[in-house]
């Protein structure tokens, strides 16, 4: 599907950037601050405020949004950026699959209608969520940026420097003790063991991503040290595009108790949520998560 309505004219536009209008309401700031990714930083280019970050191994991309919702994106890489940000997702069709009489979910969507699920590089997604266990978003962000700065590859563009996420082989060689110096605590062991397992071929992330059976894919991820059901589901949702998965953490448990009077736990709660919210349950989870984190 087309990801933009139109390319907009702007005589004062900096060289190398296009101004494009998304086909459906989109909020860049909310999407980047919704607990999916943690490395995008605020940046200013040619007097324009926006965000800069690497998409996988690419040089840093600068993306901004004006008051009318139009996006300023790198001209030669617009499709890559739009795909990364989920701007090709058919949001009316996705939202049409949610329970039609769910006033609580409708309130959450109204609070953050412009959120999209980001398509993340798989290893980066897995590693980041391993480091996120029982951490606040600000802490996860600080840890992610420190790991990138110490072991990632510096990339430059538009006068900015950003760092790619280090490959499994790099973190496996760095060792657990070095990772602990990044304030990872007990998570250092999990991140190091996951990196070593993937670098050594014990787990093939591409096979996980292409697996037709989501339960098999989840079980394969959970073979990694420190990866439980919640982290595995985050990887399936944000890294593999399995929108039927519904990660449950303390925020989501609180949401389901408050909004749905659900006192179930573990697999029973997981099963209820994925059945109730339907084939795009992961999108419902993201609306509910951001709504709860900002308002509860």
C-alpha atoms as a PDB file:
ATOM      1  CA  UNK A   1       0.000   0.000   0.000  1.00  0.00           C
ATOM      2  CA  UNK A   2       1.087   3.616  -0.470  1.00  0.00           C
ATOM      3  CA  UNK A   3       2.742   4.990   2.635  1.00  0.00           C
ATOM      4  CA  UNK A   4       2.219   8.685   1.912  1.00  0.00           C
ATOM      5  CA  UNK A   5      -0.614  10.798   0.600  1.00  0.00           C
ATOM      6  CA  UNK A   6       1.657  13.247  -1.135  1.00  0.00           C
ATOM      7  CA  UNK A   7       5.081  14.806  -1.354  1.00  0.00           C
ATOM      8  CA  UNK A   8       4.804  18.352  -0.089  1.00  0.00           C
ATOM      9  CA  UNK A   9       6.510  21.431  -1.494  1.00  0.00           C
ATOM     10  CA  UNK A  10       8.731  23.383   0.890  1.00  0.00           C
ATOM     11  CA  UNK A  11      11.114  25.977  -0.563  1.00  0.00           C
ATOM     12  CA  UNK A  12      13.171  26.172   2.645  1.00  0.00           C
ATOM     13  CA  UNK A  13      13.738  22.435   2.947  1.00  0.00           C
ATOM     14  CA  UNK A  14      17.343  21.389   3.727  1.00  0.00           C
ATOM     15  CA  UNK A  15      19.132  19.562   0.926  1.00  0.00           C
ATOM     16  CA  UNK A  16      18.690  15.784   0.917  1.00  0.00           C
ATOM     17  CA  UNK A  17      15.394  15.775   2.837  1.00  0.00           C
ATOM     18  CA  UNK A  18      11.820  15.261   1.628  1.00  0.00           C
ATOM     19  CA  UNK A  19       8.616  16.424   3.272  1.00  0.00           C
ATOM     20  CA  UNK A  20       5.959  13.705   3.138  1.00  0.00           C
ATOM     21  CA  UNK A  21       2.503  13.293   4.600  1.00  0.00           C
ATOM     22  CA  UNK A  22       1.575   9.871   6.081  1.00  0.00           C
ATOM     23  CA  UNK A  23      -1.659   8.294   4.888  1.00  0.00           C
ATOM     24  CA  UNK A  24      -2.980   7.863   8.418  1.00  0.00           C
ATOM     25  CA  UNK A  25      -2.465   9.849  11.627  1.00  0.00           C
ATOM     26  CA  UNK A  26       1.037   9.175  12.908  1.00  0.00           C
ATOM     27  CA  UNK A  27       2.933  10.535  15.902  1.00  0.00           C
ATOM     28  CA  UNK A  28       6.700  10.246  15.586  1.00  0.00           C
ATOM     29  CA  UNK A  29       7.455  11.275  19.177  1.00  0.00           C
ATOM     30  CA  UNK A  30       4.963   8.878  20.728  1.00  0.00           C
ATOM     31  CA  UNK A  31       6.117   6.009  18.533  1.00  0.00           C
ATOM     32  CA  UNK A  32       9.777   6.465  19.474  1.00  0.00           C
ATOM     33  CA  UNK A  33       8.851   6.921  23.156  1.00  0.00           C
ATOM     34  CA  UNK A  34       6.460   3.988  23.465  1.00  0.00           C
ATOM     35  CA  UNK A  35       8.875   1.447  24.956  1.00  0.00           C
ATOM     36  CA  UNK A  36       9.767  -0.293  21.694  1.00  0.00           C
ATOM     37  CA  UNK A  37      13.166   1.258  20.928  1.00  0.00           C
ATOM     38  CA  UNK A  38      15.553   3.145  23.161  1.00  0.00           C
ATOM     39  CA  UNK A  39      18.371   4.594  21.065  1.00  0.00           C
ATOM     40  CA  UNK A  40      16.796   7.424  19.079  1.00  0.00           C
ATOM     41  CA  UNK A  41      18.030  10.808  20.315  1.00  0.00           C
ATOM     42  CA  UNK A  42      16.671  14.293  19.849  1.00  0.00           C
ATOM     43  CA  UNK A  43      18.633  16.185  17.211  1.00  0.00           C
ATOM     44  CA  UNK A  44      18.563  19.523  15.397  1.00  0.00           C
ATOM     45  CA  UNK A  45      19.456  19.785  11.707  1.00  0.00           C
ATOM     46  CA  UNK A  46      19.344  23.088   9.786  1.00  0.00           C
ATOM     47  CA  UNK A  47      17.276  24.616  12.570  1.00  0.00           C
ATOM     48  CA  UNK A  48      14.740  21.763  12.554  1.00  0.00           C
ATOM     49  CA  UNK A  49      14.107  19.688  15.690  1.00  0.00           C
ATOM     50  CA  UNK A  50      13.690  15.951  15.239  1.00  0.00           C
ATOM     51  CA  UNK A  51      15.210  12.588  16.078  1.00  0.00           C
ATOM     52  CA  UNK A  52      18.337  10.791  14.902  1.00  0.00           C
ATOM     53  CA  UNK A  53      19.256   7.128  15.116  1.00  0.00           C
ATOM     54  CA  UNK A  54      20.607   4.156  13.218  1.00  0.00           C
ATOM     55  CA  UNK A  55      18.334   1.661  11.517  1.00  0.00           C
ATOM     56  CA  UNK A  56      20.367  -1.503  11.791  1.00  0.00           C
ATOM     57  CA  UNK A  57      23.804  -0.910  10.270  1.00  0.00           C
ATOM     58  CA  UNK A  58      22.785   2.212   8.360  1.00  0.00           C
ATOM     59  CA  UNK A  59      24.201   5.715   8.929  1.00  0.00           C
ATOM     60  CA  UNK A  60      22.054   7.817  11.268  1.00  0.00           C
ATOM     61  CA  UNK A  61      18.729   8.872   9.865  1.00  0.00           C
ATOM     62  CA  UNK A  62      17.223  12.242  10.774  1.00  0.00           C
ATOM     63  CA  UNK A  63      13.425  12.292  11.004  1.00  0.00           C
ATOM     64  CA  UNK A  64      11.215  15.190  12.084  1.00  0.00           C
ATOM     65  CA  UNK A  65       7.496  15.975  12.139  1.00  0.00           C
ATOM     66  CA  UNK A  66       5.809  19.333  11.799  1.00  0.00           C
ATOM     67  CA  UNK A  67       2.658  20.575  13.508  1.00  0.00           C
ATOM     68  CA  UNK A  68       0.505  19.429  10.574  1.00  0.00           C
ATOM     69  CA  UNK A  69       1.797  15.866  10.845  1.00  0.00           C
ATOM     70  CA  UNK A  70       4.032  15.938   7.773  1.00  0.00           C
ATOM     71  CA  UNK A  71       7.327  14.054   8.110  1.00  0.00           C
ATOM     72  CA  UNK A  72      10.762  15.275   7.128  1.00  0.00           C
ATOM     73  CA  UNK A  73      12.777  12.219   6.062  1.00  0.00           C
ATOM     74  CA  UNK A  74      16.034  11.479   4.155  1.00  0.00           C
ATOM     75  CA  UNK A  75      15.109  11.698   0.459  1.00  0.00           C
ATOM     76  CA  UNK A  76      16.974   8.586  -0.793  1.00  0.00           C
ATOM     77  CA  UNK A  77      15.938   6.471   2.198  1.00  0.00           C
ATOM     78  CA  UNK A  78      12.307   7.495   2.648  1.00  0.00           C
ATOM     79  CA  UNK A  79      10.854   4.046   1.970  1.00  0.00           C
ATOM     80  CA  UNK A  80      13.302   2.394   4.387  1.00  0.00           C
ATOM     81  CA  UNK A  81      12.429   4.881   7.129  1.00  0.00           C
ATOM     82  CA  UNK A  82       8.706   4.600   6.491  1.00  0.00           C
ATOM     83  CA  UNK A  83       8.846   0.796   6.576  1.00  0.00           C
ATOM     84  CA  UNK A  84      10.874   0.871   9.804  1.00  0.00           C
ATOM     85  CA  UNK A  85       8.308   3.168  11.404  1.00  0.00           C
ATOM     86  CA  UNK A  86       5.382   0.987  10.314  1.00  0.00           C
ATOM     87  CA  UNK A  87       3.880   3.621   8.061  1.00  0.00           C
ATOM     88  CA  UNK A  88       2.765   0.991   5.571  1.00  0.00           C
ATOM     89  CA  UNK A  89       0.482  -0.617   8.170  1.00  0.00           C
ATOM     90  CA  UNK A  90      -3.220  -0.448   7.350  1.00  0.00           C
ATOM     91  CA  UNK A  91      -4.358   1.048  10.638  1.00  0.00           C
ATOM     92  CA  UNK A  92      -8.121   1.238   9.954  1.00  0.00           C
ATOM     93  CA  UNK A  93      -8.095  -2.461   9.006  1.00  0.00           C
ATOM     94  CA  UNK A  94      -6.013  -3.372  12.065  1.00  0.00           C
ATOM     95  CA  UNK A  95      -8.247  -1.451  14.457  1.00  0.00           C
ATOM     96  CA  UNK A  96     -11.342  -3.005  12.864  1.00  0.00           C
ATOM     97  CA  UNK A  97     -10.225  -6.399  14.236  1.00  0.00           C
ATOM     98  CA  UNK A  98     -10.422  -5.211  17.865  1.00  0.00           C
ATOM     99  CA  UNK A  99     -13.529  -5.882  19.993  1.00  0.00           C
ATOM    100  CA  UNK A 100     -16.049  -3.307  18.858  1.00  0.00           C
ATOM    101  CA  UNK A 101     -17.538  -2.612  22.296  1.00  0.00           C
ATOM    102  CA  UNK A 102     -14.262  -2.181  24.202  1.00  0.00           C
ATOM    103  CA  UNK A 103     -14.512   1.351  25.602  1.00  0.00           C
ATOM    104  CA  UNK A 104     -11.274   1.020  27.559  1.00  0.00           C
ATOM    105  CA  UNK A 105      -9.208   0.119  24.488  1.00  0.00           C
ATOM    106  CA  UNK A 106     -10.964   2.873  22.549  1.00  0.00           C
ATOM    107  CA  UNK A 107      -9.842   5.357  25.222  1.00  0.00           C
ATOM    108  CA  UNK A 108      -6.259   4.108  24.936  1.00  0.00           C
ATOM    109  CA  UNK A 109      -6.308   4.448  21.135  1.00  0.00           C
ATOM    110  CA  UNK A 110      -7.747   7.954  21.409  1.00  0.00           C
ATOM    111  CA  UNK A 111      -4.865   8.860  23.741  1.00  0.00           C
ATOM    112  CA  UNK A 112      -2.179   7.723  21.289  1.00  0.00           C
ATOM    113  CA  UNK A 113      -3.753   7.127  17.850  1.00  0.00           C
ATOM    114  CA  UNK A 114      -0.501   7.786  16.022  1.00  0.00           C
ATOM    115  CA  UNK A 115       1.574   4.959  17.511  1.00  0.00           C
ATOM    116  CA  UNK A 116       2.955   2.322  15.141  1.00  0.00           C
ATOM    117  CA  UNK A 117       4.777  -0.947  15.712  1.00  0.00           C
ATOM    118  CA  UNK A 118       8.383  -0.455  14.605  1.00  0.00           C
ATOM    119  CA  UNK A 119      10.113  -3.128  12.519  1.00  0.00           C
ATOM    120  CA  UNK A 120      13.298  -3.701  14.488  1.00  0.00           C
ATOM    121  CA  UNK A 121      16.438  -5.623  13.530  1.00  0.00           C
ATOM    122  CA  UNK A 122      15.999  -8.972  15.247  1.00  0.00           C
ATOM    123  CA  UNK A 123      19.238  -9.285  17.232  1.00  0.00           C
ATOM    124  CA  UNK A 124      19.051  -5.644  18.330  1.00  0.00           C
ATOM    125  CA  UNK A 125      15.474  -6.212  19.498  1.00  0.00           C
ATOM    126  CA  UNK A 126      16.350  -9.368  21.441  1.00  0.00           C
ATOM    127  CA  UNK A 127      19.421  -7.859  23.088  1.00  0.00           C
ATOM    128  CA  UNK A 128      17.616  -4.671  24.082  1.00  0.00           C
ATOM    129  CA  UNK A 129      14.726  -6.499  25.712  1.00  0.00           C
ATOM    130  CA  UNK A 130      17.130  -8.785  27.587  1.00  0.00           C
ATOM    131  CA  UNK A 131      18.672  -5.648  29.091  1.00  0.00           C
ATOM    132  CA  UNK A 132      15.238  -4.145  29.806  1.00  0.00           C
ATOM    133  CA  UNK A 133      14.118  -6.671  32.441  1.00  0.00           C
ATOM    134  CA  UNK A 134      12.703  -4.868  35.494  1.00  0.00           C
ATOM    135  CA  UNK A 135      14.104  -1.528  34.344  1.00  0.00           C
ATOM    136  CA  UNK A 136      12.499   1.862  33.756  1.00  0.00           C
ATOM    137  CA  UNK A 137      12.559   3.224  30.203  1.00  0.00           C
ATOM    138  CA  UNK A 138      15.152   5.908  31.081  1.00  0.00           C
ATOM    139  CA  UNK A 139      17.486   3.248  32.497  1.00  0.00           C
ATOM    140  CA  UNK A 140      17.045   0.969  29.470  1.00  0.00           C
ATOM    141  CA  UNK A 141      17.815   3.893  27.199  1.00  0.00           C
ATOM    142  CA  UNK A 142      21.005   4.786  29.091  1.00  0.00           C
ATOM    143  CA  UNK A 143      22.216   1.171  29.013  1.00  0.00           C
ATOM    144  CA  UNK A 144      21.406   0.756  25.311  1.00  0.00           C
ATOM    145  CA  UNK A 145      23.262   3.922  24.357  1.00  0.00           C
ATOM    146  CA  UNK A 146      26.292   2.979  26.475  1.00  0.00           C
ATOM    147  CA  UNK A 147      26.517  -0.463  24.856  1.00  0.00           C
ATOM    148  CA  UNK A 148      26.298   1.148  21.421  1.00  0.00           C
ATOM    149  CA  UNK A 149      28.969   3.732  22.212  1.00  0.00           C
ATOM    150  CA  UNK A 150      31.391   1.174  23.630  1.00  0.00           C
ATOM    151  CA  UNK A 151      31.041  -1.650  21.100  1.00  0.00           C
ATOM    152  CA  UNK A 152      28.940  -0.396  18.198  1.00  0.00           C
ATOM    153  CA  UNK A 153      30.225   0.982  14.915  1.00  0.00           C
ATOM    154  CA  UNK A 154      30.084   4.801  14.665  1.00  0.00           C
ATOM    155  CA  UNK A 155      28.105   6.003  11.652  1.00  0.00           C
ATOM    156  CA  UNK A 156      28.029   9.583  10.393  1.00  0.00           C
ATOM    157  CA  UNK A 157      25.535  11.547   8.329  1.00  0.00           C
ATOM    158  CA  UNK A 158      24.061  15.067   8.319  1.00  0.00           C
ATOM    159  CA  UNK A 159      26.794  16.193  10.701  1.00  0.00           C
ATOM    160  CA  UNK A 160      25.666  13.623  13.285  1.00  0.00           C
ATOM    161  CA  UNK A 161      27.313  10.534  14.730  1.00  0.00           C
ATOM    162  CA  UNK A 162      25.276   7.544  15.912  1.00  0.00           C
ATOM    163  CA  UNK A 163      26.249   3.986  16.752  1.00  0.00           C
ATOM    164  CA  UNK A 164      24.888   0.725  15.398  1.00  0.00           C
ATOM    165  CA  UNK A 165      24.066  -2.019  17.884  1.00  0.00           C
ATOM    166  CA  UNK A 166      27.062  -4.364  18.316  1.00  0.00           C
ATOM    167  CA  UNK A 167      26.829  -7.767  16.668  1.00  0.00           C
ATOM    168  CA  UNK A 168      26.485 -10.932  18.786  1.00  0.00           C
ATOM    169  CA  UNK A 169      30.086 -11.865  18.032  1.00  0.00           C
ATOM    170  CA  UNK A 170      31.302  -8.533  19.422  1.00  0.00           C
ATOM    171  CA  UNK A 171      29.405  -8.825  22.712  1.00  0.00           C
ATOM    172  CA  UNK A 172      30.332 -12.485  23.070  1.00  0.00           C
ATOM    173  CA  UNK A 173      33.997 -11.498  22.811  1.00  0.00           C
ATOM    174  CA  UNK A 174      33.552  -8.502  25.146  1.00  0.00           C
ATOM    175  CA  UNK A 175      32.606 -10.826  27.996  1.00  0.00           C
ATOM    176  CA  UNK A 176      30.226 -10.719  30.922  1.00  0.00           C
ATOM    177  CA  UNK A 177      32.425  -8.629  33.217  1.00  0.00           C
ATOM    178  CA  UNK A 178      32.818  -5.872  30.658  1.00  0.00           C
ATOM    179  CA  UNK A 179      29.055  -5.825  30.119  1.00  0.00           C
ATOM    180  CA  UNK A 180      28.519  -5.438  33.853  1.00  0.00           C
ATOM    181  CA  UNK A 181      30.305  -2.086  33.718  1.00  0.00           C
ATOM    182  CA  UNK A 182      27.339  -0.793  31.670  1.00  0.00           C
ATOM    183  CA  UNK A 183      25.060  -1.052  34.739  1.00  0.00           C
ATOM    184  CA  UNK A 184      23.516  -4.284  33.488  1.00  0.00           C
ATOM    185  CA  UNK A 185      23.826  -6.167  36.785  1.00  0.00           C
ATOM    186  CA  UNK A 186      22.570  -9.749  36.522  1.00  0.00           C
ATOM    187  CA  UNK A 187      21.393  -9.006  32.965  1.00  0.00           C
ATOM    188  CA  UNK A 188      25.029  -9.020  31.833  1.00  0.00           C
ATOM    189  CA  UNK A 189      25.126 -12.812  32.111  1.00  0.00           C
ATOM    190  CA  UNK A 190      21.939 -13.172  30.067  1.00  0.00           C
ATOM    191  CA  UNK A 191      23.107 -10.777  27.350  1.00  0.00           C
ATOM    192  CA  UNK A 192      26.547 -12.387  27.138  1.00  0.00           C
ATOM    193  CA  UNK A 193      25.160 -15.925  26.993  1.00  0.00           C
ATOM    194  CA  UNK A 194      22.596 -14.944  24.349  1.00  0.00           C
ATOM    195  CA  UNK A 195      25.302 -13.291  22.250  1.00  0.00           C
ATOM    196  CA  UNK A 196      27.549 -16.345  22.586  1.00  0.00           C
ATOM    197  CA  UNK A 197      24.731 -18.756  21.706  1.00  0.00           C
ATOM    198  CA  UNK A 198      23.795 -16.823  18.581  1.00  0.00           C
ATOM    199  CA  UNK A 199      27.398 -16.197  17.545  1.00  0.00           C
ATOM    200  CA  UNK A 200      28.095 -19.908  18.000  1.00  0.00           C
ATOM    201  CA  UNK A 201      25.116 -21.010  15.905  1.00  0.00           C
ATOM    202  CA  UNK A 202      23.134 -22.592  18.767  1.00  0.00           C
ATOM    203  CA  UNK A 203      20.157 -20.365  17.937  1.00  0.00           C
ATOM    204  CA  UNK A 204      19.375 -19.147  14.416  1.00  0.00           C
ATOM    205  CA  UNK A 205      17.329 -15.960  14.704  1.00  0.00           C
ATOM    206  CA  UNK A 206      16.388 -15.984  11.027  1.00  0.00           C
ATOM    207  CA  UNK A 207      14.878 -19.445  11.428  1.00  0.00           C
ATOM    208  CA  UNK A 208      12.961 -18.155  14.449  1.00  0.00           C
ATOM    209  CA  UNK A 209      11.661 -15.238  12.380  1.00  0.00           C
ATOM    210  CA  UNK A 210      10.543 -17.491   9.520  1.00  0.00           C
ATOM    211  CA  UNK A 211       8.954 -20.172  11.719  1.00  0.00           C
ATOM    212  CA  UNK A 212       5.259 -20.634  10.890  1.00  0.00           C
ATOM    213  CA  UNK A 213       4.356 -21.858  14.387  1.00  0.00           C
ATOM    214  CA  UNK A 214       4.543 -18.997  16.880  1.00  0.00           C
ATOM    215  CA  UNK A 215       4.663 -21.428  19.817  1.00  0.00           C
ATOM    216  CA  UNK A 216       7.707 -23.165  18.347  1.00  0.00           C
ATOM    217  CA  UNK A 217       9.389 -19.817  17.703  1.00  0.00           C
ATOM    218  CA  UNK A 218       8.680 -18.705  21.271  1.00  0.00           C
ATOM    219  CA  UNK A 219      10.070 -21.934  22.703  1.00  0.00           C
ATOM    220  CA  UNK A 220      13.249 -21.554  20.645  1.00  0.00           C
ATOM    221  CA  UNK A 221      13.821 -18.034  21.979  1.00  0.00           C
ATOM    222  CA  UNK A 222      13.202 -19.219  25.533  1.00  0.00           C
ATOM    223  CA  UNK A 223      16.137 -21.619  25.217  1.00  0.00           C
ATOM    224  CA  UNK A 224      18.330 -18.546  25.697  1.00  0.00           C
ATOM    225  CA  UNK A 225      19.494 -17.794  29.241  1.00  0.00           C
ATOM    226  CA  UNK A 226      17.348 -15.076  30.818  1.00  0.00           C
ATOM    227  CA  UNK A 227      14.669 -15.116  28.104  1.00  0.00           C
ATOM    228  CA  UNK A 228      11.263 -15.859  29.549  1.00  0.00           C
ATOM    229  CA  UNK A 229       7.858 -15.639  27.955  1.00  0.00           C
ATOM    230  CA  UNK A 230       7.593 -11.853  28.196  1.00  0.00           C
ATOM    231  CA  UNK A 231      10.916 -11.144  26.474  1.00  0.00           C
ATOM    232  CA  UNK A 232      10.260 -13.849  23.881  1.00  0.00           C
ATOM    233  CA  UNK A 233       6.888 -12.286  23.082  1.00  0.00           C
ATOM    234  CA  UNK A 234       8.470  -8.825  22.759  1.00  0.00           C
ATOM    235  CA  UNK A 235      10.944 -10.230  20.246  1.00  0.00           C
ATOM    236  CA  UNK A 236       8.176 -11.997  18.326  1.00  0.00           C
ATOM    237  CA  UNK A 237       6.102  -8.815  18.209  1.00  0.00           C
ATOM    238  CA  UNK A 238       8.716  -6.127  17.611  1.00  0.00           C
ATOM    239  CA  UNK A 239      11.397  -8.139  15.823  1.00  0.00           C
ATOM    240  CA  UNK A 240       9.459 -10.823  13.936  1.00  0.00           C
ATOM    241  CA  UNK A 241       6.256  -8.950  13.159  1.00  0.00           C
ATOM    242  CA  UNK A 242       4.054 -11.538  14.883  1.00  0.00           C
ATOM    243  CA  UNK A 243       1.229  -9.144  15.671  1.00  0.00           C
ATOM    244  CA  UNK A 244      -0.856 -11.822  17.374  1.00  0.00           C
ATOM    245  CA  UNK A 245       1.541 -11.911  20.342  1.00  0.00           C
ATOM    246  CA  UNK A 246       0.689  -9.928  23.466  1.00  0.00           C
ATOM    247  CA  UNK A 247       3.683  -9.311  25.807  1.00  0.00           C
ATOM    248  CA  UNK A 248       2.638  -9.069  29.454  1.00  0.00           C
ATOM    249  CA  UNK A 249       4.669  -7.190  32.050  1.00  0.00           C
ATOM    250  CA  UNK A 250       3.710  -5.446  35.292  1.00  0.00           C
ATOM    251  CA  UNK A 251       2.202  -2.499  33.385  1.00  0.00           C
ATOM    252  CA  UNK A 252       0.002  -4.716  31.243  1.00  0.00           C
ATOM    253  CA  UNK A 253      -1.056  -6.831  34.233  1.00  0.00           C
ATOM    254  CA  UNK A 254      -2.132  -3.598  35.912  1.00  0.00           C
ATOM    255  CA  UNK A 255      -4.029  -2.539  32.782  1.00  0.00           C
ATOM    256  CA  UNK A 256      -5.872  -5.847  32.506  1.00  0.00           C
ATOM    257  CA  UNK A 257      -6.832  -5.759  36.182  1.00  0.00           C
ATOM    258  CA  UNK A 258      -8.017  -2.157  36.021  1.00  0.00           C
ATOM    259  CA  UNK A 259      -9.690  -2.121  32.626  1.00  0.00           C
ATOM    260  CA  UNK A 260     -10.877  -5.711  32.304  1.00  0.00           C
ATOM    261  CA  UNK A 261     -11.102  -7.029  35.898  1.00  0.00           C
ATOM    262  CA  UNK A 262      -8.784  -9.874  34.973  1.00  0.00           C
ATOM    263  CA  UNK A 263      -7.035 -11.661  37.857  1.00  0.00           C
ATOM    264  CA  UNK A 264      -5.584 -14.438  35.748  1.00  0.00           C
ATOM    265  CA  UNK A 265      -1.844 -14.987  35.596  1.00  0.00           C
ATOM    266  CA  UNK A 266       0.773 -16.589  33.414  1.00  0.00           C
ATOM    267  CA  UNK A 267      -0.339 -18.690  30.472  1.00  0.00           C
ATOM    268  CA  UNK A 268      -4.039 -18.290  31.293  1.00  0.00           C
ATOM    269  CA  UNK A 269      -3.819 -14.489  31.125  1.00  0.00           C
ATOM    270  CA  UNK A 270      -1.710 -14.699  27.970  1.00  0.00           C
ATOM    271  CA  UNK A 271      -4.239 -16.989  26.314  1.00  0.00           C
ATOM    272  CA  UNK A 272      -7.173 -14.804  27.291  1.00  0.00           C
ATOM    273  CA  UNK A 273      -5.545 -11.623  25.961  1.00  0.00           C
ATOM    274  CA  UNK A 274      -4.512 -13.074  22.604  1.00  0.00           C
ATOM    275  CA  UNK A 275      -7.956 -14.610  22.107  1.00  0.00           C
ATOM    276  CA  UNK A 276      -9.847 -11.488  23.209  1.00  0.00           C
ATOM    277  CA  UNK A 277      -7.844  -8.878  21.272  1.00  0.00           C
ATOM    278  CA  UNK A 278      -7.541 -11.021  18.155  1.00  0.00           C
ATOM    279  CA  UNK A 279      -5.042 -11.274  15.285  1.00  0.00           C
ATOM    280  CA  UNK A 280      -3.517  -7.859  16.001  1.00  0.00           C
ATOM    281  CA  UNK A 281      -3.388  -8.253  19.785  1.00  0.00           C
ATOM    282  CA  UNK A 282       0.158  -6.853  19.807  1.00  0.00           C
ATOM    283  CA  UNK A 283      -1.091  -3.526  18.485  1.00  0.00           C
ATOM    284  CA  UNK A 284      -3.749  -3.431  21.206  1.00  0.00           C
ATOM    285  CA  UNK A 285      -1.023  -4.159  23.758  1.00  0.00           C
ATOM    286  CA  UNK A 286       1.057  -1.229  22.545  1.00  0.00           C
ATOM    287  CA  UNK A 287      -1.850   1.205  22.782  1.00  0.00           C
ATOM    288  CA  UNK A 288      -2.668  -0.041  26.284  1.00  0.00           C
ATOM    289  CA  UNK A 289       0.969  -0.044  27.427  1.00  0.00           C
ATOM    290  CA  UNK A 290       1.671   3.539  26.355  1.00  0.00           C
ATOM    291  CA  UNK A 291      -1.666   4.762  27.696  1.00  0.00           C
ATOM    292  CA  UNK A 292      -1.038   3.158  31.086  1.00  0.00           C
ATOM    293  CA  UNK A 293       2.577   4.295  31.351  1.00  0.00           C
ATOM    294  CA  UNK A 294       1.623   7.909  30.677  1.00  0.00           C
ATOM    295  CA  UNK A 295      -1.645   8.172  32.626  1.00  0.00           C
ATOM    296  CA  UNK A 296      -1.804   5.635  35.467  1.00  0.00           C
END
